[in-house]
Amino acid sequence: MKAAQDIILRPIITEKATDGIADKKYAFVVAKDANKVEIKKAVEELFKVTVAKVTTVNQKSKAKRLRMGAPEGKTAAYKKAYVLLAENSKSIEFFDGMM
């Protein structure tokens, strides 16, 4: 099994993602080959919380214009995980300053 740091790559800190913090819903970029069970265990191990539900989304790459005359580029594809904590669980301290 992979280490928890190899599964949870980084948090997603956008306006839409931070709206869910009040409801104990957090967003992370995760490894593409990670499944929901591995993501749940990794979040529980890293942040010492209880996870109720994990939802995943594969974000496709998008076409990106570069400079004049250059060929068209693409953004990177990645996998997102939305993690909902249990009602009796504490919040993740990393996100507390963003509310």
C-alpha atoms as a PDB file:
ATOM      1  CA  MET A   1       0.000   0.000   0.000  1.00  0.00           C
ATOM      2  CA  LYS A   2       1.109   3.550  -0.685  1.00  0.00           C
ATOM      3  CA  ALA A   3       1.951   6.074   1.980  1.00  0.00           C
ATOM      4  CA  ALA A   4      -0.730   8.635   2.818  1.00  0.00           C
ATOM      5  CA  GLN A   5       1.495  11.453   1.511  1.00  0.00           C
ATOM      6  CA  ASP A   6       1.613   9.729  -1.907  1.00  0.00           C
ATOM      7  CA  ILE A   7      -2.191   9.552  -2.110  1.00  0.00           C
ATOM      8  CA  ILE A   8      -3.147  13.063  -0.933  1.00  0.00           C
ATOM      9  CA  LEU A   9      -1.075  15.373  -3.142  1.00  0.00           C
ATOM     10  CA  ARG A  10      -2.369  18.835  -2.190  1.00  0.00           C
ATOM     11  CA  PRO A  11      -5.506  20.647  -0.999  1.00  0.00           C
ATOM     12  CA  ILE A  12      -7.705  22.571  -3.409  1.00  0.00           C
ATOM     13  CA  ILE A  13      -8.126  26.135  -2.213  1.00  0.00           C
ATOM     14  CA  THR A  14     -10.661  27.831  -4.478  1.00  0.00           C
ATOM     15  CA  GLU A  15     -13.762  29.857  -3.707  1.00  0.00           C
ATOM     16  CA  LYS A  16     -16.039  26.928  -4.496  1.00  0.00           C
ATOM     17  CA  ALA A  17     -13.977  24.491  -2.423  1.00  0.00           C
ATOM     18  CA  THR A  18     -13.769  26.792   0.604  1.00  0.00           C
ATOM     19  CA  ASP A  19     -17.575  27.207   0.653  1.00  0.00           C
ATOM     20  CA  GLY A  20     -17.863  23.579   1.757  1.00  0.00           C
ATOM     21  CA  ILE A  21     -15.558  23.962   4.774  1.00  0.00           C
ATOM     22  CA  ALA A  22     -18.452  25.115   6.968  1.00  0.00           C
ATOM     23  CA  ASP A  23     -20.224  21.803   6.194  1.00  0.00           C
ATOM     24  CA  LYS A  24     -17.002  19.809   6.846  1.00  0.00           C
ATOM     25  CA  LYS A  25     -16.512  19.092   3.138  1.00  0.00           C
ATOM     26  CA  TYR A  26     -12.909  19.372   1.919  1.00  0.00           C
ATOM     27  CA  ALA A  27     -11.343  19.057  -1.551  1.00  0.00           C
ATOM     28  CA  PHE A  28      -7.973  17.508  -2.396  1.00  0.00           C
ATOM     29  CA  VAL A  29      -5.954  16.618  -5.486  1.00  0.00           C
ATOM     30  CA  VAL A  30      -5.178  12.912  -5.185  1.00  0.00           C
ATOM     31  CA  ALA A  31      -3.144  10.316  -7.057  1.00  0.00           C
ATOM     32  CA  LYS A  32      -4.871   9.141 -10.238  1.00  0.00           C
ATOM     33  CA  ASP A  33      -4.696   5.479  -9.269  1.00  0.00           C
ATOM     34  CA  ALA A  34      -6.056   5.970  -5.718  1.00  0.00           C
ATOM     35  CA  ASN A  35      -9.504   4.610  -4.928  1.00  0.00           C
ATOM     36  CA  LYS A  36     -12.052   5.878  -2.389  1.00  0.00           C
ATOM     37  CA  VAL A  37     -11.022   3.457   0.345  1.00  0.00           C
ATOM     38  CA  GLU A  38      -7.351   4.466   0.073  1.00  0.00           C
ATOM     39  CA  ILE A  39      -8.285   8.165   0.067  1.00  0.00           C
ATOM     40  CA  LYS A  40     -10.436   7.720   3.180  1.00  0.00           C
ATOM     41  CA  LYS A  41      -7.645   5.944   5.059  1.00  0.00           C
ATOM     42  CA  ALA A  42      -5.062   8.540   3.977  1.00  0.00           C
ATOM     43  CA  VAL A  43      -7.168  11.509   5.160  1.00  0.00           C
ATOM     44  CA  GLU A  44      -7.923   9.802   8.472  1.00  0.00           C
ATOM     45  CA  GLU A  45      -4.232   9.025   8.990  1.00  0.00           C
ATOM     46  CA  LEU A  46      -2.883  12.459   8.012  1.00  0.00           C
ATOM     47  CA  PHE A  47      -5.421  14.689   9.760  1.00  0.00           C
ATOM     48  CA  LYS A  48      -6.692  12.426  12.612  1.00  0.00           C
ATOM     49  CA  VAL A  49     -10.382  12.845  11.642  1.00  0.00           C
ATOM     50  CA  THR A  50     -13.300  10.518  10.861  1.00  0.00           C
ATOM     51  CA  VAL A  51     -14.415  10.444   7.221  1.00  0.00           C
ATOM     52  CA  ALA A  52     -18.080   9.768   6.398  1.00  0.00           C
ATOM     53  CA  LYS A  53     -18.017   9.901   2.574  1.00  0.00           C
ATOM     54  CA  VAL A  54     -15.566  10.312  -0.315  1.00  0.00           C
ATOM     55  CA  THR A  55     -16.542  11.471  -3.807  1.00  0.00           C
ATOM     56  CA  THR A  56     -14.012  11.477  -6.657  1.00  0.00           C
ATOM     57  CA  VAL A  57     -13.880  13.321  -9.985  1.00  0.00           C
ATOM     58  CA  ASN A  58     -11.436  12.809 -12.856  1.00  0.00           C
ATOM     59  CA  GLN A  59     -10.671  16.296 -14.190  1.00  0.00           C
ATOM     60  CA  LYS A  60      -9.810  16.155 -17.897  1.00  0.00           C
ATOM     61  CA  SER A  61      -7.170  18.354 -19.448  1.00  0.00           C
ATOM     62  CA  LYS A  62      -8.314  21.474 -21.276  1.00  0.00           C
ATOM     63  CA  ALA A  63      -6.962  23.114 -24.411  1.00  0.00           C
ATOM     64  CA  LYS A  64      -4.845  26.162 -23.667  1.00  0.00           C
ATOM     65  CA  ARG A  65      -3.707  28.874 -26.065  1.00  0.00           C
ATOM     66  CA  LEU A  66      -0.051  29.689 -25.895  1.00  0.00           C
ATOM     67  CA  ARG A  67       1.645  32.482 -27.816  1.00  0.00           C
ATOM     68  CA  MET A  68       1.139  33.477 -31.428  1.00  0.00           C
ATOM     69  CA  GLY A  69       2.338  30.794 -33.830  1.00  0.00           C
ATOM     70  CA  ALA A  70       2.976  28.172 -31.165  1.00  0.00           C
ATOM     71  CA  PRO A  71       1.040  24.913 -31.227  1.00  0.00           C
ATOM     72  CA  GLU A  72      -1.911  24.566 -28.885  1.00  0.00           C
ATOM     73  CA  GLY A  73      -1.082  23.278 -25.410  1.00  0.00           C
ATOM     74  CA  LYS A  74      -3.055  21.501 -22.712  1.00  0.00           C
ATOM     75  CA  THR A  75      -3.464  21.805 -18.971  1.00  0.00           C
ATOM     76  CA  ALA A  76      -2.669  18.778 -16.815  1.00  0.00           C
ATOM     77  CA  ALA A  77      -5.346  16.182 -16.063  1.00  0.00           C
ATOM     78  CA  TYR A  78      -5.793  15.268 -12.401  1.00  0.00           C
ATOM     79  CA  LYS A  79      -8.123  13.545  -9.950  1.00  0.00           C
ATOM     80  CA  LYS A  80     -10.078  15.433  -7.262  1.00  0.00           C
ATOM     81  CA  ALA A  81     -11.544  13.996  -4.098  1.00  0.00           C
ATOM     82  CA  TYR A  82     -14.273  15.650  -2.047  1.00  0.00           C
ATOM     83  CA  VAL A  83     -14.136  14.365   1.533  1.00  0.00           C
ATOM     84  CA  LEU A  84     -17.107  14.748   3.882  1.00  0.00           C
ATOM     85  CA  LEU A  85     -16.269  14.368   7.561  1.00  0.00           C
ATOM     86  CA  ALA A  86     -18.556  12.724  10.102  1.00  0.00           C
ATOM     87  CA  GLU A  87     -20.744  14.945  12.289  1.00  0.00           C
ATOM     88  CA  ASN A  88     -18.850  14.100  15.487  1.00  0.00           C
ATOM     89  CA  SER A  89     -15.425  14.545  13.867  1.00  0.00           C
ATOM     90  CA  LYS A  90     -13.242  17.582  14.477  1.00  0.00           C
ATOM     91  CA  SER A  91     -12.406  19.885  11.567  1.00  0.00           C
ATOM     92  CA  ILE A  92      -9.108  19.843   9.689  1.00  0.00           C
ATOM     93  CA  GLU A  93      -6.867  22.471  11.291  1.00  0.00           C
ATOM     94  CA  PHE A  94      -5.133  23.391   8.004  1.00  0.00           C
ATOM     95  CA  PHE A  95      -8.383  24.837   6.633  1.00  0.00           C
ATOM     96  CA  ASP A  96      -9.523  26.632   9.812  1.00  0.00           C
ATOM     97  CA  GLY A  97      -7.849  29.929   8.922  1.00  0.00           C
ATOM     98  CA  MET A  98      -9.655  30.119   5.561  1.00  0.00           C
ATOM     99  CA  MET A  99     -13.193  30.468   6.868  1.00  0.00           C
END
